[in-house]
Amino acid sequence: MTRDQIMTHIQKAFGHLRRPKQFIRGTCSCDECREHEAVMQTFNRDSLPLHELDKPSWDPICFASNKAFAYLMPGLAGLVLDHADAYVSQFIFHTGQPERMAAYTPAQARALIHLLEFLVLHEASALDRNMVVDNLYGTRAELEQIAGVITVEPEQP
């Protein structure tokens, strides 16, 4: 599958979602949450700025609601495909959060599985450098359950 095919699957699964009025979870109005909300309000979901999202210690996506996260997925997918070394760790962390997993539809889970498979095939060195291989496979296994995908393990000799 090509990058464009992956993005088509992501668009079909997530592209219909409406822009949320509020991006952060809950009703916190502390300075940090207000700043993250202001940053996310400037986002164009199809083209997210890496410089706003590549700092794990100051990452507005950590505060995004599940609706906001799903709405932003086309841009997040584009970021990880275009900048795997800089963003794969955060992408897998955010994608695999239990409350986000619980919110995915089967179609969304399938689209994310395609994306993770693409990363395994085309960005293996970035996955290794960022030490996220185990997390990626754990996330994929959970997505497969959501998607209803049955994986057949090879028989042991």
Foldseek 3Di string as FASTA:
>chain_A
DDLVVLLVLLCVQQVVADADPFFFPDDDDDPLRVVLRVQLVPDDLQAGDLVQAQDPVRHSLVGGDLSNCSNSVNNLLVCCVVPVLRPVVVSLVSCQDVVNLVVGALSNLVSVLVSLVCCVVPVVVSCVVVVCPVSSVVSNVSSCVRNVHDDDDDDDD
